[in-house]
Amino acid sequence: MYQTPRRSPRLPFIAVAEIAHRESGGRLSCQISTLSFHGCYVETLNTLPVGREISIKSFAESECFVATGKVIYELPRSGLGLAFEEVPLKSAALLRKWLLKASGGAERL
């Protein structure tokens, strides 16, 4: 099976997160396990369908990252692959900081 190359590397990163369904306002507690500049993988038993629009809040190192996004793949009773769509400037700076730390300070993400 052919897979499209990722736009940016996915790095191991552990953080508590909360996903809100943008249509219904329902919420899921989850944990981020990998992170990239364009999205993340979250571990959760309760998954959402592919294409569902979401908002995500993530907390690590007493800082809060927020973004909107979309479910791009689902692993039932395991987790979700999310693509970020809108990331406010403050959250983008925090994301870059987290990714630099996770990569060991590598310049190219």
N, C-alpha and C. Protein backbone atom coordinates (compact mmCIF):
# COMPACT_ATOMS: atom_id res chain seq x y z
N MET A 1 0.84 -1.18 0.00
CA MET A 1 0.00 0.00 0.00
C MET A 1 0.88 1.25 0.00
N TYR A 2 0.63 2.16 -0.92
CA TYR A 2 1.39 3.40 -1.04
C TYR A 2 0.84 4.44 -0.08
N GLN A 3 1.73 5.12 0.64
CA GLN A 3 1.33 6.20 1.52
C GLN A 3 1.97 7.50 1.05
N THR A 4 1.20 8.58 1.08
CA THR A 4 1.70 9.89 0.73
C THR A 4 2.72 10.34 1.78
N PRO A 5 3.86 10.88 1.37
CA PRO A 5 4.83 11.37 2.35
C PRO A 5 4.24 12.49 3.20
N ARG A 6 4.63 12.53 4.44
CA ARG A 6 4.14 13.57 5.35
C ARG A 6 4.78 14.92 5.01
N ARG A 7 4.02 16.00 5.28
CA ARG A 7 4.55 17.34 5.02
C ARG A 7 5.61 17.73 6.03
N SER A 8 5.55 17.16 7.22
CA SER A 8 6.55 17.43 8.25
C SER A 8 6.69 16.19 9.12
N PRO A 9 7.87 16.00 9.74
CA PRO A 9 8.09 14.80 10.53
C PRO A 9 7.17 14.73 11.74
N ARG A 10 6.77 13.52 12.07
CA ARG A 10 5.96 13.27 13.26
C ARG A 10 6.91 12.85 14.38
N LEU A 11 6.81 13.51 15.52
CA LEU A 11 7.71 13.26 16.63
C LEU A 11 6.95 12.75 17.85
N PRO A 12 7.56 11.87 18.63
CA PRO A 12 6.91 11.44 19.87
C PRO A 12 6.73 12.65 20.78
N PHE A 13 5.54 12.78 21.33
CA PHE A 13 5.24 13.90 22.21
C PHE A 13 4.03 13.51 23.05
N ILE A 14 4.14 13.60 24.35
CA ILE A 14 3.05 13.22 25.24
C ILE A 14 2.46 14.48 25.86
N ALA A 15 1.13 14.64 25.70
CA ALA A 15 0.42 15.77 26.29
C ALA A 15 -1.05 15.40 26.46
N VAL A 16 -1.65 15.90 27.50
CA VAL A 16 -3.08 15.75 27.72
C VAL A 16 -3.80 16.66 26.74
N ALA A 17 -4.92 16.19 26.19
CA ALA A 17 -5.66 17.01 25.23
C ALA A 17 -7.15 16.80 25.39
N GLU A 18 -7.90 17.74 24.84
CA GLU A 18 -9.35 17.65 24.81
C GLU A 18 -9.80 18.03 23.41
N ILE A 19 -10.63 17.19 22.83
CA ILE A 19 -11.17 17.45 21.50
C ILE A 19 -12.64 17.79 21.64
N ALA A 20 -13.06 18.85 20.98
CA ALA A 20 -14.48 19.23 20.96
C ALA A 20 -14.99 19.07 19.53
N HIS A 21 -16.14 18.42 19.40
CA HIS A 21 -16.80 18.31 18.09
C HIS A 21 -17.34 19.70 17.79
N ARG A 22 -16.99 20.26 16.66
CA ARG A 22 -17.42 21.63 16.35
C ARG A 22 -18.92 21.72 16.11
N GLU A 23 -19.58 20.66 15.58
CA GLU A 23 -21.03 20.73 15.34
C GLU A 23 -21.83 20.57 16.62
N SER A 24 -21.50 19.54 17.41
CA SER A 24 -22.33 19.21 18.58
C SER A 24 -21.84 19.82 19.88
N GLY A 25 -20.56 20.18 19.95
CA GLY A 25 -20.00 20.69 21.20
C GLY A 25 -19.59 19.59 22.16
N GLY A 26 -19.81 18.30 21.79
CA GLY A 26 -19.38 17.19 22.64
C GLY A 26 -17.87 17.19 22.79
N ARG A 27 -17.38 16.60 23.88
CA ARG A 27 -15.95 16.63 24.17
C ARG A 27 -15.40 15.24 24.44
N LEU A 28 -14.14 15.02 24.03
CA LEU A 28 -13.41 13.79 24.28
C LEU A 28 -12.11 14.12 24.99
N SER A 29 -11.81 13.41 26.05
CA SER A 29 -10.49 13.53 26.67
C SER A 29 -9.57 12.54 25.97
N CYS A 30 -8.34 12.94 25.74
CA CYS A 30 -7.41 12.08 25.02
C CYS A 30 -5.98 12.46 25.38
N GLN A 31 -5.04 11.76 24.75
CA GLN A 31 -3.62 12.05 24.96
C GLN A 31 -2.93 12.09 23.60
N ILE A 32 -2.18 13.15 23.37
CA ILE A 32 -1.37 13.22 22.16
C ILE A 32 -0.18 12.28 22.35
N SER A 33 0.12 11.47 21.31
CA SER A 33 1.29 10.60 21.40
C SER A 33 2.34 10.94 20.34
N THR A 34 1.91 11.53 19.21
CA THR A 34 2.87 12.05 18.23
C THR A 34 2.36 13.39 17.74
N LEU A 35 3.32 14.24 17.35
CA LEU A 35 2.99 15.61 17.00
C LEU A 35 3.84 16.06 15.81
N SER A 36 3.23 16.84 14.93
CA SER A 36 3.98 17.47 13.84
C SER A 36 3.46 18.89 13.69
N PHE A 37 4.09 19.64 12.80
CA PHE A 37 3.65 21.02 12.60
C PHE A 37 2.27 21.07 11.95
N HIS A 38 1.85 19.99 11.29
CA HIS A 38 0.58 19.98 10.56
C HIS A 38 -0.51 19.13 11.20
N GLY A 39 -0.21 18.44 12.32
CA GLY A 39 -1.23 17.61 12.94
C GLY A 39 -0.67 16.77 14.06
N CYS A 40 -1.49 15.81 14.51
CA CYS A 40 -1.07 14.96 15.61
C CYS A 40 -1.86 13.66 15.59
N TYR A 41 -1.40 12.71 16.37
CA TYR A 41 -2.14 11.48 16.62
C TYR A 41 -2.54 11.51 18.08
N VAL A 42 -3.82 11.27 18.35
CA VAL A 42 -4.30 11.23 19.73
C VAL A 42 -4.81 9.84 20.05
N GLU A 43 -4.49 9.38 21.24
CA GLU A 43 -4.99 8.10 21.73
C GLU A 43 -6.29 8.34 22.47
N THR A 44 -7.35 7.63 22.05
CA THR A 44 -8.65 7.72 22.70
C THR A 44 -9.46 6.49 22.33
N LEU A 45 -10.22 5.96 23.29
CA LEU A 45 -11.08 4.81 23.01
C LEU A 45 -12.29 5.21 22.19
N ASN A 46 -12.77 6.43 22.39
CA ASN A 46 -13.94 6.93 21.66
C ASN A 46 -13.46 7.72 20.45
N THR A 47 -13.64 7.16 19.27
CA THR A 47 -13.14 7.82 18.07
C THR A 47 -14.26 8.57 17.36
N LEU A 48 -13.87 9.35 16.38
CA LEU A 48 -14.80 10.14 15.57
C LEU A 48 -14.63 9.76 14.11
N PRO A 49 -15.64 9.99 13.30
CA PRO A 49 -15.52 9.63 11.88
C PRO A 49 -14.56 10.54 11.11
N VAL A 50 -13.96 9.98 10.08
CA VAL A 50 -13.08 10.73 9.19
C VAL A 50 -13.86 11.90 8.60
N GLY A 51 -13.21 13.07 8.56
CA GLY A 51 -13.84 14.27 8.03
C GLY A 51 -14.48 15.15 9.09
N ARG A 52 -14.66 14.65 10.30
CA ARG A 52 -15.30 15.43 11.37
C ARG A 52 -14.43 16.63 11.72
N GLU A 53 -15.03 17.81 11.77
CA GLU A 53 -14.31 19.02 12.15
C GLU A 53 -14.27 19.10 13.67
N ILE A 54 -13.10 19.45 14.18
CA ILE A 54 -12.89 19.47 15.64
C ILE A 54 -12.14 20.74 16.05
N SER A 55 -12.16 20.97 17.35
CA SER A 55 -11.26 21.94 17.99
C SER A 55 -10.45 21.13 18.99
N ILE A 56 -9.19 21.46 19.16
CA ILE A 56 -8.35 20.73 20.10
C ILE A 56 -7.66 21.71 21.03
N LYS A 57 -7.59 21.33 22.30
CA LYS A 57 -6.80 22.04 23.31
C LYS A 57 -5.84 21.02 23.88
N SER A 58 -4.58 21.39 23.99
CA SER A 58 -3.58 20.50 24.54
C SER A 58 -2.79 21.24 25.61
N PHE A 59 -2.46 20.51 26.65
CA PHE A 59 -1.77 21.11 27.79
C PHE A 59 -0.47 20.36 28.05
N ALA A 60 0.65 21.07 28.05
CA ALA A 60 1.95 20.51 28.40
C ALA A 60 2.81 21.64 28.93
N GLU A 61 3.63 21.31 29.91
CA GLU A 61 4.55 22.29 30.49
C GLU A 61 3.80 23.55 30.93
N SER A 62 2.61 23.38 31.49
CA SER A 62 1.72 24.46 31.96
C SER A 62 1.44 25.51 30.89
N GLU A 63 1.43 25.09 29.63
CA GLU A 63 1.06 25.96 28.51
C GLU A 63 -0.06 25.29 27.73
N CYS A 64 -0.87 26.11 27.06
CA CYS A 64 -2.04 25.59 26.35
C CYS A 64 -1.97 25.90 24.86
N PHE A 65 -2.08 24.85 24.05
CA PHE A 65 -2.12 24.95 22.59
C PHE A 65 -3.58 24.77 22.16
N VAL A 66 -4.04 25.61 21.24
CA VAL A 66 -5.40 25.48 20.69
C VAL A 66 -5.34 25.54 19.17
N ALA A 67 -6.24 24.80 18.53
CA ALA A 67 -6.32 24.81 17.07
C ALA A 67 -7.65 24.21 16.65
N THR A 68 -8.02 24.46 15.41
CA THR A 68 -9.13 23.73 14.81
C THR A 68 -8.50 22.73 13.84
N GLY A 69 -9.27 21.72 13.50
CA GLY A 69 -8.74 20.72 12.61
C GLY A 69 -9.80 19.77 12.12
N LYS A 70 -9.31 18.66 11.58
CA LYS A 70 -10.20 17.67 10.99
C LYS A 70 -9.62 16.28 11.23
N VAL A 71 -10.51 15.30 11.44
CA VAL A 71 -10.08 13.91 11.57
C VAL A 71 -9.69 13.42 10.18
N ILE A 72 -8.46 12.93 10.03
CA ILE A 72 -8.03 12.43 8.72
C ILE A 72 -7.96 10.91 8.68
N TYR A 73 -7.84 10.27 9.84
CA TYR A 73 -8.00 8.81 9.89
C TYR A 73 -8.40 8.40 11.30
N GLU A 74 -9.00 7.21 11.37
CA GLU A 74 -9.52 6.70 12.63
C GLU A 74 -9.05 5.26 12.80
N LEU A 75 -8.57 4.95 13.98
CA LEU A 75 -8.26 3.56 14.35
C LEU A 75 -9.24 3.22 15.48
N PRO A 76 -10.33 2.50 15.16
CA PRO A 76 -11.39 2.25 16.15
C PRO A 76 -10.85 1.75 17.48
N ARG A 77 -11.37 2.35 18.55
CA ARG A 77 -11.01 2.04 19.94
C ARG A 77 -9.52 2.19 20.23
N SER A 78 -8.84 3.02 19.41
CA SER A 78 -7.42 3.24 19.60
C SER A 78 -7.05 4.71 19.52
N GLY A 79 -7.44 5.39 18.42
CA GLY A 79 -7.07 6.79 18.30
C GLY A 79 -7.44 7.42 16.98
N LEU A 80 -7.02 8.66 16.84
CA LEU A 80 -7.36 9.49 15.68
C LEU A 80 -6.13 10.21 15.14
N GLY A 81 -6.05 10.32 13.83
CA GLY A 81 -5.08 11.19 13.19
C GLY A 81 -5.77 12.50 12.89
N LEU A 82 -5.22 13.59 13.35
CA LEU A 82 -5.83 14.91 13.16
C LEU A 82 -4.92 15.80 12.33
N ALA A 83 -5.52 16.57 11.43
CA ALA A 83 -4.79 17.59 10.67
C ALA A 83 -5.22 18.95 11.21
N PHE A 84 -4.25 19.79 11.55
CA PHE A 84 -4.57 21.14 12.01
C PHE A 84 -4.99 21.98 10.82
N GLU A 85 -6.00 22.84 11.02
CA GLU A 85 -6.44 23.75 9.97
C GLU A 85 -6.13 25.20 10.33
N GLU A 86 -6.64 25.66 11.45
CA GLU A 86 -6.36 27.03 11.91
C GLU A 86 -5.63 26.98 13.24
N VAL A 87 -4.44 27.58 13.26
CA VAL A 87 -3.63 27.62 14.47
C VAL A 87 -3.30 29.08 14.74
N PRO A 88 -3.82 29.65 15.84
CA PRO A 88 -3.50 31.04 16.16
C PRO A 88 -1.98 31.24 16.31
N LEU A 89 -1.52 32.45 16.07
CA LEU A 89 -0.07 32.74 16.14
C LEU A 89 0.58 32.30 17.44
N LYS A 90 -0.07 32.57 18.56
CA LYS A 90 0.49 32.20 19.86
C LYS A 90 0.64 30.67 19.96
N SER A 91 -0.37 29.94 19.49
CA SER A 91 -0.30 28.48 19.51
C SER A 91 0.73 27.95 18.52
N ALA A 92 0.89 28.61 17.38
CA ALA A 92 1.89 28.19 16.39
C ALA A 92 3.30 28.32 16.98
N ALA A 93 3.54 29.39 17.71
CA ALA A 93 4.85 29.58 18.35
C ALA A 93 5.09 28.51 19.41
N LEU A 94 4.06 28.18 20.18
CA LEU A 94 4.17 27.14 21.20
C LEU A 94 4.40 25.78 20.54
N LEU A 95 3.69 25.50 19.46
CA LEU A 95 3.87 24.25 18.73
C LEU A 95 5.31 24.11 18.24
N ARG A 96 5.83 25.16 17.67
CA ARG A 96 7.23 25.14 17.20
C ARG A 96 8.19 24.87 18.37
N LYS A 97 7.94 25.50 19.51
CA LYS A 97 8.78 25.30 20.70
C LYS A 97 8.73 23.84 21.14
N TRP A 98 7.52 23.26 21.20
CA TRP A 98 7.37 21.86 21.60
C TRP A 98 8.08 20.93 20.62
N LEU A 99 7.95 21.22 19.32
CA LEU A 99 8.57 20.37 18.31
C LEU A 99 10.09 20.45 18.35
N LEU A 100 10.62 21.64 18.57
CA LEU A 100 12.07 21.79 18.69
C LEU A 100 12.60 21.00 19.88
N LYS A 101 11.88 21.06 20.99
CA LYS A 101 12.28 20.30 22.18
C LYS A 101 12.18 18.80 21.91
N ALA A 102 11.10 18.35 21.28
CA ALA A 102 10.91 16.93 20.99
C ALA A 102 11.95 16.39 20.01
N SER A 103 12.43 17.25 19.12
CA SER A 103 13.41 16.82 18.12
C SER A 103 14.85 16.90 18.63
N GLY A 104 15.00 17.34 19.85
CA GLY A 104 16.35 17.48 20.39
C GLY A 104 17.03 18.76 19.93
N GLY A 105 16.22 19.73 19.45
CA GLY A 105 16.77 21.01 19.03
C GLY A 105 17.14 21.07 17.57
N ALA A 106 16.75 20.07 16.79
CA ALA A 106 17.04 20.10 15.34
C ALA A 106 16.38 21.32 14.72
N GLU A 107 17.08 21.97 13.83
CA GLU A 107 16.57 23.20 13.21
C GLU A 107 15.48 22.95 12.18
N ARG A 108 15.58 21.83 11.47
CA ARG A 108 14.64 21.60 10.36
C ARG A 108 13.47 20.75 10.82
N LEU A 109 12.26 21.30 10.79
CA LEU A 109 11.05 20.55 11.11
C LEU A 109 10.25 20.44 9.86
